[in-house]
């Protein structure tokens, strides 16, 4: 069901209006990075997760949502994206949620990376996911 699909941390300069119209037409719920930050990034995600009745969750972490200073090794560098720390907080949330079935780290392009910054960030995000996964889930 498209209403269970949440496009998180959208920035209007990063996607075409045609793409956004397509998502909205299909019923996808779109949250801007600005909106999420105003609500508090992690609390906003937790609220959405708490309201969800999904039995299984797929998390797609597109690294090009992260600011270029933290993740230069992407095909579409983002001048105003979320921080690497914010990405890792969300990866930990993914690990903490028992419904998580799949995580994906996407949009890493080592050919464009500087000092392996982006590859290292992707690895640290996986570390934070695993840390969340290991927490006691009584």
Foldseek 3Di string as FASTA:
>chain_A
DQLLAEAEQDDPVPDDPVVVVVSVVVNHHYYHVVNCVVVPVLVVVVVSVVPDPDQADEAEAELCQAACVQAVQFPRHDPDHHHLVSLLSVLLVLLQDPRYDYYHYDRGHVVRGDPCRNVVSVVSSVVSSVVSVPDDND
